[in-house]
Amino acid sequence: MTPPHARRPLSAGELGRFLEIQNLGLNLPFAIAFLLVAARGLPPLVPTVLLVVAFVAARNAGHAFNRWSDRDLDAKNPRTQGRALVTGRASPEFALALVVAMSALLFVCAYLLNPLALLLAPVALLLVLGYSWTKRRTALTTVFLGLVESVTPAAVFIGLTGHLPLAALVAVVAVLLWGTAFETIHSLGDLETDRALGLPTLPGRLGRARSVRLVPVLHAAALALFAGFGLLEGLHAGYDAGLVAMAAIAAYTDLTLARGPEHAPRSFRYHFLLGAVFAAGVVLGLL
């Protein structure tokens, strides 16, 4: 552990790793896709900037709070023992200061967007911070993370239009299921580590085999709801082509996952790819 007097400010690269900026692209393609649909094309510049900044601020607040909350667990996990709070490169107070700063930025953006966005900003913040509490107490953390991801379409439609149409609610449920599938795959990769740390997880509760069988069910249900979202928004054939491509990638993922843990896909890469395909389908559907 680095003594406090030896600390120096984190470099840009270290701060990026602290906030996991490298994973920013996981849900950003979905956010951009819903932004395009809500605007029925290119959205106005100012609300777009405010929404993107709010999106990044909320996720940064969640990651910083998770680093602070999990510093004792990270010290026991070989995969995370090099994190800044474990090595002493950053202090717990620094992490909490980031949480406060990012939360304030989220509220400023929500205030500048519209009254409904400001009213619901505390709900979004509680969700992104709540993961650190749920992961120690319930096996449904995987579902909770899906719920956190499902905020994206609701936040985009509310931030841009000031209301929440039926199509956006359908998209919320679709992303909830889609995110739960992704988090289940990711959790399967950490199953043994989570068990060793005493953390309850959905795969730990259901078992590996039943969790693997659950993933394609979640994928299929989410794709059906995404199709319903497209119908409600009047998206054209290009959007359906994107969904077909997503279904093919998801089916390949499910089949490789079923072969055994050693064949499990790299969940972050696959999720980014599927988000990019969804965004491309939206662009084609709008055209």
C-alpha atoms as a PDB file:
ATOM      1  CA  MET A   1       0.000   0.000   0.000  1.00  0.00           C
ATOM      2  CA  THR A   2       1.419   3.349  -1.046  1.00  0.00           C
ATOM      3  CA  PRO A   3       1.638   5.739   1.952  1.00  0.00           C
ATOM      4  CA  PRO A   4      -0.547   8.849   1.668  1.00  0.00           C
ATOM      5  CA  HIS A   5       2.453  11.211   1.523  1.00  0.00           C
ATOM      6  CA  ALA A   6       3.732   9.369  -1.585  1.00  0.00           C
ATOM      7  CA  ARG A   7       0.559   9.952  -3.580  1.00  0.00           C
ATOM      8  CA  ARG A   8       0.678  12.110  -6.681  1.00  0.00           C
ATOM      9  CA  PRO A   9      -2.296  13.129  -8.831  1.00  0.00           C
ATOM     10  CA  LEU A  10      -3.612  10.383 -11.056  1.00  0.00           C
ATOM     11  CA  SER A  11      -2.551  10.689 -14.673  1.00  0.00           C
ATOM     12  CA  ALA A  12      -5.211  10.961 -17.374  1.00  0.00           C
ATOM     13  CA  GLY A  13      -4.726   7.282 -18.220  1.00  0.00           C
ATOM     14  CA  GLU A  14      -4.998   6.218 -14.578  1.00  0.00           C
ATOM     15  CA  LEU A  15      -8.120   8.319 -14.087  1.00  0.00           C
ATOM     16  CA  GLY A  16      -9.619   6.773 -17.207  1.00  0.00           C
ATOM     17  CA  ARG A  17      -8.968   3.273 -15.877  1.00  0.00           C
ATOM     18  CA  PHE A  18     -10.359   4.310 -12.479  1.00  0.00           C
ATOM     19  CA  LEU A  19     -13.617   5.335 -14.182  1.00  0.00           C
ATOM     20  CA  GLU A  20     -13.427   2.505 -16.748  1.00  0.00           C
ATOM     21  CA  ILE A  21     -13.636   4.938 -19.642  1.00  0.00           C
ATOM     22  CA  GLN A  22     -12.513   2.074 -21.882  1.00  0.00           C
ATOM     23  CA  ASN A  23     -15.989   0.575 -21.397  1.00  0.00           C
ATOM     24  CA  LEU A  24     -17.852   3.791 -22.213  1.00  0.00           C
ATOM     25  CA  GLY A  25     -18.807   2.391 -25.598  1.00  0.00           C
ATOM     26  CA  LEU A  26     -20.814  -0.462 -24.093  1.00  0.00           C
ATOM     27  CA  ASN A  27     -24.088   1.451 -23.780  1.00  0.00           C
ATOM     28  CA  LEU A  28     -23.289   4.649 -25.683  1.00  0.00           C
ATOM     29  CA  PRO A  29     -24.356   3.157 -29.076  1.00  0.00           C
ATOM     30  CA  PHE A  30     -27.768   2.347 -27.584  1.00  0.00           C
ATOM     31  CA  ALA A  31     -28.020   5.883 -26.183  1.00  0.00           C
ATOM     32  CA  ILE A  32     -27.153   7.411 -29.569  1.00  0.00           C
ATOM     33  CA  ALA A  33     -29.640   5.113 -31.326  1.00  0.00           C
ATOM     34  CA  PHE A  34     -32.502   6.131 -29.035  1.00  0.00           C
ATOM     35  CA  LEU A  35     -31.472   9.773 -29.416  1.00  0.00           C
ATOM     36  CA  LEU A  36     -31.811   9.486 -33.194  1.00  0.00           C
ATOM     37  CA  VAL A  37     -35.235   7.857 -32.872  1.00  0.00           C
ATOM     38  CA  ALA A  38     -36.512  10.419 -30.374  1.00  0.00           C
ATOM     39  CA  ALA A  39     -35.396  13.235 -32.691  1.00  0.00           C
ATOM     40  CA  ARG A  40     -36.586  11.403 -35.847  1.00  0.00           C
ATOM     41  CA  GLY A  41     -33.184  12.088 -37.361  1.00  0.00           C
ATOM     42  CA  LEU A  42     -30.322  14.337 -36.346  1.00  0.00           C
ATOM     43  CA  PRO A  43     -31.110  15.791 -32.892  1.00  0.00           C
ATOM     44  CA  PRO A  44     -30.493  19.441 -31.946  1.00  0.00           C
ATOM     45  CA  LEU A  45     -26.955  20.134 -30.760  1.00  0.00           C
ATOM     46  CA  VAL A  46     -27.483  21.579 -27.276  1.00  0.00           C
ATOM     47  CA  PRO A  47     -29.811  18.872 -25.879  1.00  0.00           C
ATOM     48  CA  THR A  48     -27.559  16.225 -27.439  1.00  0.00           C
ATOM     49  CA  VAL A  49     -24.485  17.592 -25.695  1.00  0.00           C
ATOM     50  CA  LEU A  50     -26.364  17.851 -22.389  1.00  0.00           C
ATOM     51  CA  LEU A  51     -27.639  14.273 -22.675  1.00  0.00           C
ATOM     52  CA  VAL A  52     -24.211  12.858 -23.524  1.00  0.00           C
ATOM     53  CA  VAL A  53     -22.576  14.770 -20.670  1.00  0.00           C
ATOM     54  CA  ALA A  54     -25.322  13.621 -18.273  1.00  0.00           C
ATOM     55  CA  PHE A  55     -24.890  10.020 -19.471  1.00  0.00           C
ATOM     56  CA  VAL A  56     -21.129  10.116 -18.889  1.00  0.00           C
ATOM     57  CA  ALA A  57     -21.509  11.911 -15.543  1.00  0.00           C
ATOM     58  CA  ALA A  58     -23.989   9.343 -14.241  1.00  0.00           C
ATOM     59  CA  ARG A  59     -21.833   6.359 -15.212  1.00  0.00           C
ATOM     60  CA  ASN A  60     -18.711   8.044 -13.776  1.00  0.00           C
ATOM     61  CA  ALA A  61     -20.519   8.665 -10.486  1.00  0.00           C
ATOM     62  CA  GLY A  62     -21.540   5.005 -10.391  1.00  0.00           C
ATOM     63  CA  HIS A  63     -18.035   3.728 -11.164  1.00  0.00           C
ATOM     64  CA  ALA A  64     -16.363   6.028  -8.627  1.00  0.00           C
ATOM     65  CA  PHE A  65     -18.847   5.015  -5.936  1.00  0.00           C
ATOM     66  CA  ASN A  66     -18.327   1.351  -6.777  1.00  0.00           C
ATOM     67  CA  ARG A  67     -14.543   1.767  -6.476  1.00  0.00           C
ATOM     68  CA  TRP A  68     -15.022   3.349  -3.058  1.00  0.00           C
ATOM     69  CA  SER A  69     -17.543   0.766  -1.867  1.00  0.00           C
ATOM     70  CA  ASP A  70     -15.623  -2.242  -3.212  1.00  0.00           C
ATOM     71  CA  ARG A  71     -12.088  -1.338  -2.174  1.00  0.00           C
ATOM     72  CA  ASP A  72     -12.008  -4.132   0.444  1.00  0.00           C
ATOM     73  CA  LEU A  73     -13.295  -6.715  -2.046  1.00  0.00           C
ATOM     74  CA  ASP A  74     -10.931  -5.474  -4.759  1.00  0.00           C
ATOM     75  CA  ALA A  75      -7.996  -6.081  -2.422  1.00  0.00           C
ATOM     76  CA  LYS A  76      -8.957  -9.784  -2.209  1.00  0.00           C
ATOM     77  CA  ASN A  77      -9.554 -10.294  -5.926  1.00  0.00           C
ATOM     78  CA  PRO A  78      -6.423 -10.983  -8.044  1.00  0.00           C
ATOM     79  CA  ARG A  79      -8.101  -9.330 -11.053  1.00  0.00           C
ATOM     80  CA  THR A  80      -8.611  -6.026  -9.200  1.00  0.00           C
ATOM     81  CA  GLN A  81      -5.681  -5.825  -6.784  1.00  0.00           C
ATOM     82  CA  GLY A  82      -3.962  -3.248  -8.971  1.00  0.00           C
ATOM     83  CA  ARG A  83      -6.782  -0.705  -8.742  1.00  0.00           C
ATOM     84  CA  ALA A  84      -5.866   2.750  -7.482  1.00  0.00           C
ATOM     85  CA  LEU A  85      -7.765   2.609  -4.192  1.00  0.00           C
ATOM     86  CA  VAL A  86      -6.218  -0.766  -3.344  1.00  0.00           C
ATOM     87  CA  THR A  87      -2.636   0.264  -4.084  1.00  0.00           C
ATOM     88  CA  GLY A  88      -3.079   3.634  -2.390  1.00  0.00           C
ATOM     89  CA  ARG A  89      -2.549   5.633  -5.583  1.00  0.00           C
ATOM     90  CA  ALA A  90      -5.905   7.285  -4.886  1.00  0.00           C
ATOM     91  CA  SER A  91      -7.688   7.933  -1.618  1.00  0.00           C
ATOM     92  CA  PRO A  92     -11.260   7.035  -0.624  1.00  0.00           C
ATOM     93  CA  GLU A  93     -11.907  10.754  -0.231  1.00  0.00           C
ATOM     94  CA  PHE A  94     -10.877  11.297  -3.860  1.00  0.00           C
ATOM     95  CA  ALA A  95     -13.387   8.687  -5.009  1.00  0.00           C
ATOM     96  CA  LEU A  96     -16.208  10.271  -3.004  1.00  0.00           C
ATOM     97  CA  ALA A  97     -15.280  13.735  -4.305  1.00  0.00           C
ATOM     98  CA  LEU A  98     -15.640  12.364  -7.843  1.00  0.00           C
ATOM     99  CA  VAL A  99     -19.064  10.957  -6.947  1.00  0.00           C
ATOM    100  CA  VAL A 100     -20.205  14.361  -5.680  1.00  0.00           C
ATOM    101  CA  ALA A 101     -18.775  16.245  -8.678  1.00  0.00           C
ATOM    102  CA  MET A 102     -20.259  13.873 -11.258  1.00  0.00           C
ATOM    103  CA  SER A 103     -23.629  13.835  -9.477  1.00  0.00           C
ATOM    104  CA  ALA A 104     -23.704  17.632  -9.475  1.00  0.00           C
ATOM    105  CA  LEU A 105     -22.898  17.659 -13.196  1.00  0.00           C
ATOM    106  CA  LEU A 106     -25.770  15.251 -13.831  1.00  0.00           C
ATOM    107  CA  PHE A 107     -28.212  17.547 -12.001  1.00  0.00           C
ATOM    108  CA  VAL A 108     -26.972  20.629 -13.853  1.00  0.00           C
ATOM    109  CA  CYS A 109     -27.531  18.925 -17.201  1.00  0.00           C
ATOM    110  CA  ALA A 110     -30.987  17.708 -16.136  1.00  0.00           C
ATOM    111  CA  TYR A 111     -31.920  21.243 -15.001  1.00  0.00           C
ATOM    112  CA  LEU A 112     -30.872  22.656 -18.362  1.00  0.00           C
ATOM    113  CA  LEU A 113     -32.845  20.012 -20.277  1.00  0.00           C
ATOM    114  CA  ASN A 114     -36.366  20.245 -18.818  1.00  0.00           C
ATOM    115  CA  PRO A 115     -38.326  20.026 -15.524  1.00  0.00           C
ATOM    116  CA  LEU A 116     -39.197  16.322 -15.910  1.00  0.00           C
ATOM    117  CA  ALA A 117     -35.549  15.417 -16.478  1.00  0.00           C
ATOM    118  CA  LEU A 118     -34.612  17.293 -13.296  1.00  0.00           C
ATOM    119  CA  LEU A 119     -37.425  15.629 -11.351  1.00  0.00           C
ATOM    120  CA  LEU A 120     -36.268  12.143 -12.340  1.00  0.00           C
ATOM    121  CA  ALA A 121     -32.512  12.762 -12.075  1.00  0.00           C
ATOM    122  CA  PRO A 122     -32.409  11.560  -8.420  1.00  0.00           C
ATOM    123  CA  VAL A 123     -34.008   8.267  -9.495  1.00  0.00           C
ATOM    124  CA  ALA A 124     -31.341   7.725 -12.145  1.00  0.00           C
ATOM    125  CA  LEU A 125     -28.594   8.589  -9.668  1.00  0.00           C
ATOM    126  CA  LEU A 126     -29.935   6.196  -7.017  1.00  0.00           C
ATOM    127  CA  LEU A 127     -29.990   3.412  -9.582  1.00  0.00           C
ATOM    128  CA  VAL A 128     -26.393   3.890 -10.734  1.00  0.00           C
ATOM    129  CA  LEU A 129     -25.182   4.118  -7.135  1.00  0.00           C
ATOM    130  CA  GLY A 130     -27.375   1.264  -5.920  1.00  0.00           C
ATOM    131  CA  TYR A 131     -25.420  -1.509  -7.640  1.00  0.00           C
ATOM    132  CA  SER A 132     -22.679  -1.312  -5.003  1.00  0.00           C
ATOM    133  CA  TRP A 133     -25.275  -1.988  -2.308  1.00  0.00           C
ATOM    134  CA  THR A 134     -27.150  -4.782  -4.080  1.00  0.00           C
ATOM    135  CA  LYS A 135     -24.112  -6.842  -5.087  1.00  0.00           C
ATOM    136  CA  ARG A 136     -23.399  -7.729  -1.442  1.00  0.00           C
ATOM    137  CA  ARG A 137     -26.996  -8.509  -0.527  1.00  0.00           C
ATOM    138  CA  THR A 138     -28.928 -10.162  -3.333  1.00  0.00           C
ATOM    139  CA  ALA A 139     -28.437 -12.609  -6.172  1.00  0.00           C
ATOM    140  CA  LEU A 140     -30.625 -10.320  -8.292  1.00  0.00           C
ATOM    141  CA  THR A 141     -27.762  -7.859  -8.795  1.00  0.00           C
ATOM    142  CA  THR A 142     -27.577  -9.072 -12.395  1.00  0.00           C
ATOM    143  CA  VAL A 143     -31.185  -7.990 -12.935  1.00  0.00           C
ATOM    144  CA  PHE A 144     -30.519  -4.711 -11.125  1.00  0.00           C
ATOM    145  CA  LEU A 145     -27.670  -3.932 -13.516  1.00  0.00           C
ATOM    146  CA  GLY A 146     -30.054  -4.611 -16.392  1.00  0.00           C
ATOM    147  CA  LEU A 147     -32.423  -2.120 -14.756  1.00  0.00           C
ATOM    148  CA  VAL A 148     -29.625   0.465 -14.574  1.00  0.00           C
ATOM    149  CA  GLU A 149     -28.974   0.024 -18.301  1.00  0.00           C
ATOM    150  CA  SER A 150     -32.702   0.287 -19.045  1.00  0.00           C
ATOM    151  CA  VAL A 151     -32.683   3.897 -17.853  1.00  0.00           C
ATOM    152  CA  THR A 152     -31.027   4.856 -21.172  1.00  0.00           C
ATOM    153  CA  PRO A 153     -34.082   5.005 -23.497  1.00  0.00           C
ATOM    154  CA  ALA A 154     -36.252   6.645 -20.832  1.00  0.00           C
ATOM    155  CA  ALA A 155     -33.605   9.273 -20.084  1.00  0.00           C
ATOM    156  CA  VAL A 156     -33.079  10.032 -23.773  1.00  0.00           C
ATOM    157  CA  PHE A 157     -36.769  10.466 -24.605  1.00  0.00           C
ATOM    158  CA  ILE A 158     -37.454  12.522 -21.471  1.00  0.00           C
ATOM    159  CA  GLY A 159     -34.346  14.660 -21.944  1.00  0.00           C
ATOM    160  CA  LEU A 160     -35.062  15.396 -25.586  1.00  0.00           C
ATOM    161  CA  THR A 161     -38.867  15.543 -25.715  1.00  0.00           C
ATOM    162  CA  GLY A 162     -39.942  16.107 -22.099  1.00  0.00           C
ATOM    163  CA  HIS A 163     -42.250  13.072 -22.062  1.00  0.00           C
ATOM    164  CA  LEU A 164     -42.152   9.260 -22.066  1.00  0.00           C
ATOM    165  CA  PRO A 165     -44.154   7.644 -24.900  1.00  0.00           C
ATOM    166  CA  LEU A 166     -45.274   4.014 -24.999  1.00  0.00           C
ATOM    167  CA  ALA A 167     -42.492   3.115 -27.430  1.00  0.00           C
ATOM    168  CA  ALA A 168     -39.888   4.315 -24.932  1.00  0.00           C
ATOM    169  CA  LEU A 169     -41.436   2.166 -22.192  1.00  0.00           C
ATOM    170  CA  VAL A 170     -41.239  -0.865 -24.507  1.00  0.00           C
ATOM    171  CA  ALA A 171     -37.577  -0.026 -25.129  1.00  0.00           C
ATOM    172  CA  VAL A 172     -36.979   0.216 -21.369  1.00  0.00           C
ATOM    173  CA  VAL A 173     -38.165  -3.373 -20.866  1.00  0.00           C
ATOM    174  CA  ALA A 174     -36.192  -4.541 -23.915  1.00  0.00           C
ATOM    175  CA  VAL A 175     -32.960  -3.037 -22.602  1.00  0.00           C
ATOM    176  CA  LEU A 176     -33.700  -4.434 -19.130  1.00  0.00           C
ATOM    177  CA  LEU A 177     -33.810  -7.963 -20.572  1.00  0.00           C
ATOM    178  CA  TRP A 178     -30.899  -7.356 -22.918  1.00  0.00           C
ATOM    179  CA  GLY A 179     -28.745  -5.914 -20.140  1.00  0.00           C
ATOM    180  CA  THR A 180     -29.647  -8.776 -17.796  1.00  0.00           C
ATOM    181  CA  ALA A 181     -28.476 -11.252 -20.461  1.00  0.00           C
ATOM    182  CA  PHE A 182     -25.177  -9.402 -20.845  1.00  0.00           C
ATOM    183  CA  GLU A 183     -24.609  -9.169 -17.101  1.00  0.00           C
ATOM    184  CA  THR A 184     -25.428 -12.882 -16.704  1.00  0.00           C
ATOM    185  CA  ILE A 185     -22.761 -13.784 -19.269  1.00  0.00           C
ATOM    186  CA  HIS A 186     -20.290 -11.475 -17.543  1.00  0.00           C
ATOM    187  CA  SER A 187     -21.183 -12.931 -14.150  1.00  0.00           C
ATOM    188  CA  LEU A 188     -20.597 -16.477 -15.432  1.00  0.00           C
ATOM    189  CA  GLY A 189     -17.006 -15.495 -16.157  1.00  0.00           C
ATOM    190  CA  ASP A 190     -16.558 -14.326 -12.540  1.00  0.00           C
ATOM    191  CA  LEU A 191     -18.546 -17.158 -10.956  1.00  0.00           C
ATOM    192  CA  GLU A 192     -15.710 -18.800  -9.028  1.00  0.00           C
ATOM    193  CA  THR A 193     -14.262 -15.486  -7.854  1.00  0.00           C
ATOM    194  CA  ASP A 194     -17.652 -14.266  -6.646  1.00  0.00           C
ATOM    195  CA  ARG A 195     -18.177 -17.511  -4.750  1.00  0.00           C
ATOM    196  CA  ALA A 196     -14.765 -17.196  -3.106  1.00  0.00           C
ATOM    197  CA  LEU A 197     -15.605 -13.629  -2.029  1.00  0.00           C
ATOM    198  CA  GLY A 198     -19.029 -14.688  -0.744  1.00  0.00           C
ATOM    199  CA  LEU A 199     -20.935 -12.511  -3.219  1.00  0.00           C
ATOM    200  CA  PRO A 200     -24.432 -13.727  -4.183  1.00  0.00           C
ATOM    201  CA  THR A 201     -25.027 -13.847  -7.948  1.00  0.00           C
ATOM    202  CA  LEU A 202     -27.766 -15.108 -10.223  1.00  0.00           C
ATOM    203  CA  PRO A 203     -25.525 -17.784 -11.811  1.00  0.00           C
ATOM    204  CA  GLY A 204     -24.421 -18.750  -8.321  1.00  0.00           C
ATOM    205  CA  ARG A 205     -28.056 -19.185  -7.279  1.00  0.00           C
ATOM    206  CA  LEU A 206     -29.321 -20.870 -10.464  1.00  0.00           C
ATOM    207  CA  GLY A 207     -26.181 -22.804 -11.313  1.00  0.00           C
ATOM    208  CA  ARG A 208     -24.126 -22.560 -14.485  1.00  0.00           C
ATOM    209  CA  ALA A 209     -26.316 -24.811 -16.650  1.00  0.00           C
ATOM    210  CA  ARG A 210     -29.613 -23.037 -15.905  1.00  0.00           C
ATOM    211  CA  SER A 211     -27.980 -19.617 -16.265  1.00  0.00           C
ATOM    212  CA  VAL A 212     -26.653 -20.584 -19.688  1.00  0.00           C
ATOM    213  CA  ARG A 213     -30.161 -21.682 -20.727  1.00  0.00           C
ATOM    214  CA  LEU A 214     -31.632 -18.421 -19.417  1.00  0.00           C
ATOM    215  CA  VAL A 215     -29.483 -16.179 -21.631  1.00  0.00           C
ATOM    216  CA  PRO A 216     -31.075 -17.102 -25.016  1.00  0.00           C
ATOM    217  CA  VAL A 217     -34.549 -16.703 -23.491  1.00  0.00           C
ATOM    218  CA  LEU A 218     -33.639 -13.173 -22.404  1.00  0.00           C
ATOM    219  CA  HIS A 219     -32.140 -12.433 -25.817  1.00  0.00           C
ATOM    220  CA  ALA A 220     -35.251 -13.652 -27.655  1.00  0.00           C
ATOM    221  CA  ALA A 221     -37.648 -11.700 -25.443  1.00  0.00           C
ATOM    222  CA  ALA A 222     -35.548  -8.535 -25.757  1.00  0.00           C
ATOM    223  CA  LEU A 223     -35.389  -8.817 -29.552  1.00  0.00           C
ATOM    224  CA  ALA A 224     -39.170  -9.255 -29.717  1.00  0.00           C
ATOM    225  CA  LEU A 225     -39.606  -6.060 -27.695  1.00  0.00           C
ATOM    226  CA  PHE A 226     -37.070  -4.213 -29.836  1.00  0.00           C
ATOM    227  CA  ALA A 227     -39.174  -5.258 -32.837  1.00  0.00           C
ATOM    228  CA  GLY A 228     -42.262  -3.842 -31.098  1.00  0.00           C
ATOM    229  CA  PHE A 229     -40.368  -0.609 -30.443  1.00  0.00           C
ATOM    230  CA  GLY A 230     -39.599  -0.371 -34.160  1.00  0.00           C
ATOM    231  CA  LEU A 231     -43.242  -0.890 -35.080  1.00  0.00           C
ATOM    232  CA  LEU A 232     -44.429   1.774 -32.657  1.00  0.00           C
ATOM    233  CA  GLU A 233     -41.857   4.253 -33.965  1.00  0.00           C
ATOM    234  CA  GLY A 234     -42.505   3.424 -37.616  1.00  0.00           C
ATOM    235  CA  LEU A 235     -38.942   2.356 -38.350  1.00  0.00           C
ATOM    236  CA  HIS A 236     -38.414   0.846 -41.783  1.00  0.00           C
ATOM    237  CA  ALA A 237     -36.899  -2.374 -43.130  1.00  0.00           C
ATOM    238  CA  GLY A 238     -33.316  -1.367 -42.372  1.00  0.00           C
ATOM    239  CA  TYR A 239     -34.122  -1.519 -38.669  1.00  0.00           C
ATOM    240  CA  ASP A 240     -35.484  -5.040 -39.039  1.00  0.00           C
ATOM    241  CA  ALA A 241     -32.288  -6.025 -40.858  1.00  0.00           C
ATOM    242  CA  GLY A 242     -30.335  -4.749 -37.868  1.00  0.00           C
ATOM    243  CA  LEU A 243     -32.443  -6.872 -35.513  1.00  0.00           C
ATOM    244  CA  VAL A 244     -31.831  -9.937 -37.689  1.00  0.00           C
ATOM    245  CA  ALA A 245     -28.084  -9.287 -37.494  1.00  0.00           C
ATOM    246  CA  MET A 246     -28.348  -8.881 -33.707  1.00  0.00           C
ATOM    247  CA  ALA A 247     -30.258 -12.157 -33.477  1.00  0.00           C
ATOM    248  CA  ALA A 248     -27.558 -13.958 -35.469  1.00  0.00           C
ATOM    249  CA  ILE A 249     -24.753 -12.599 -33.283  1.00  0.00           C
ATOM    250  CA  ALA A 250     -26.694 -13.379 -30.104  1.00  0.00           C
ATOM    251  CA  ALA A 251     -27.428 -16.933 -31.311  1.00  0.00           C
ATOM    252  CA  TYR A 252     -23.731 -17.511 -32.006  1.00  0.00           C
ATOM    253  CA  THR A 253     -22.908 -16.154 -28.557  1.00  0.00           C
ATOM    254  CA  ASP A 254     -25.478 -18.414 -26.917  1.00  0.00           C
ATOM    255  CA  LEU A 255     -24.191 -21.488 -28.736  1.00  0.00           C
ATOM    256  CA  THR A 256     -20.567 -20.854 -27.817  1.00  0.00           C
ATOM    257  CA  LEU A 257     -21.578 -20.169 -24.216  1.00  0.00           C
ATOM    258  CA  ALA A 258     -23.444 -23.495 -24.092  1.00  0.00           C
ATOM    259  CA  ARG A 259     -20.296 -25.384 -25.111  1.00  0.00           C
ATOM    260  CA  GLY A 260     -18.689 -24.622 -21.771  1.00  0.00           C
ATOM    261  CA  PRO A 261     -17.116 -21.830 -19.724  1.00  0.00           C
ATOM    262  CA  GLU A 262     -13.866 -22.003 -21.679  1.00  0.00           C
ATOM    263  CA  HIS A 263     -15.825 -21.033 -24.803  1.00  0.00           C
ATOM    264  CA  ALA A 264     -17.675 -18.143 -23.185  1.00  0.00           C
ATOM    265  CA  PRO A 265     -17.547 -15.004 -25.364  1.00  0.00           C
ATOM    266  CA  ARG A 266     -15.768 -11.849 -24.299  1.00  0.00           C
ATOM    267  CA  SER A 267     -18.917 -10.250 -22.937  1.00  0.00           C
ATOM    268  CA  PHE A 268     -17.772  -6.629 -23.231  1.00  0.00           C
ATOM    269  CA  ARG A 269     -16.730  -6.974 -26.877  1.00  0.00           C
ATOM    270  CA  TYR A 270     -19.901  -8.777 -27.838  1.00  0.00           C
ATOM    271  CA  HIS A 271     -22.086  -6.210 -26.064  1.00  0.00           C
ATOM    272  CA  PHE A 272     -20.318  -3.335 -27.823  1.00  0.00           C
ATOM    273  CA  LEU A 273     -20.717  -5.065 -31.184  1.00  0.00           C
ATOM    274  CA  LEU A 274     -24.433  -5.631 -30.616  1.00  0.00           C
ATOM    275  CA  GLY A 275     -24.922  -2.009 -29.555  1.00  0.00           C
ATOM    276  CA  ALA A 276     -23.166  -0.832 -32.716  1.00  0.00           C
ATOM    277  CA  VAL A 277     -25.350  -3.113 -34.863  1.00  0.00           C
ATOM    278  CA  PHE A 278     -28.481  -1.784 -33.147  1.00  0.00           C
ATOM    279  CA  ALA A 279     -27.401   1.814 -33.809  1.00  0.00           C
ATOM    280  CA  ALA A 280     -26.668   0.994 -37.442  1.00  0.00           C
ATOM    281  CA  GLY A 281     -30.118  -0.618 -37.760  1.00  0.00           C
ATOM    282  CA  VAL A 282     -31.746   2.512 -36.342  1.00  0.00           C
ATOM    283  CA  VAL A 283     -29.927   4.715 -38.852  1.00  0.00           C
ATOM    284  CA  LEU A 284     -31.062   2.463 -41.714  1.00  0.00           C
ATOM    285  CA  GLY A 285     -34.583   2.332 -40.293  1.00  0.00           C
ATOM    286  CA  LEU A 286     -34.820   6.109 -40.166  1.00  0.00           C
ATOM    287  CA  LEU A 287     -33.565   6.430 -43.719  1.00  0.00           C
END
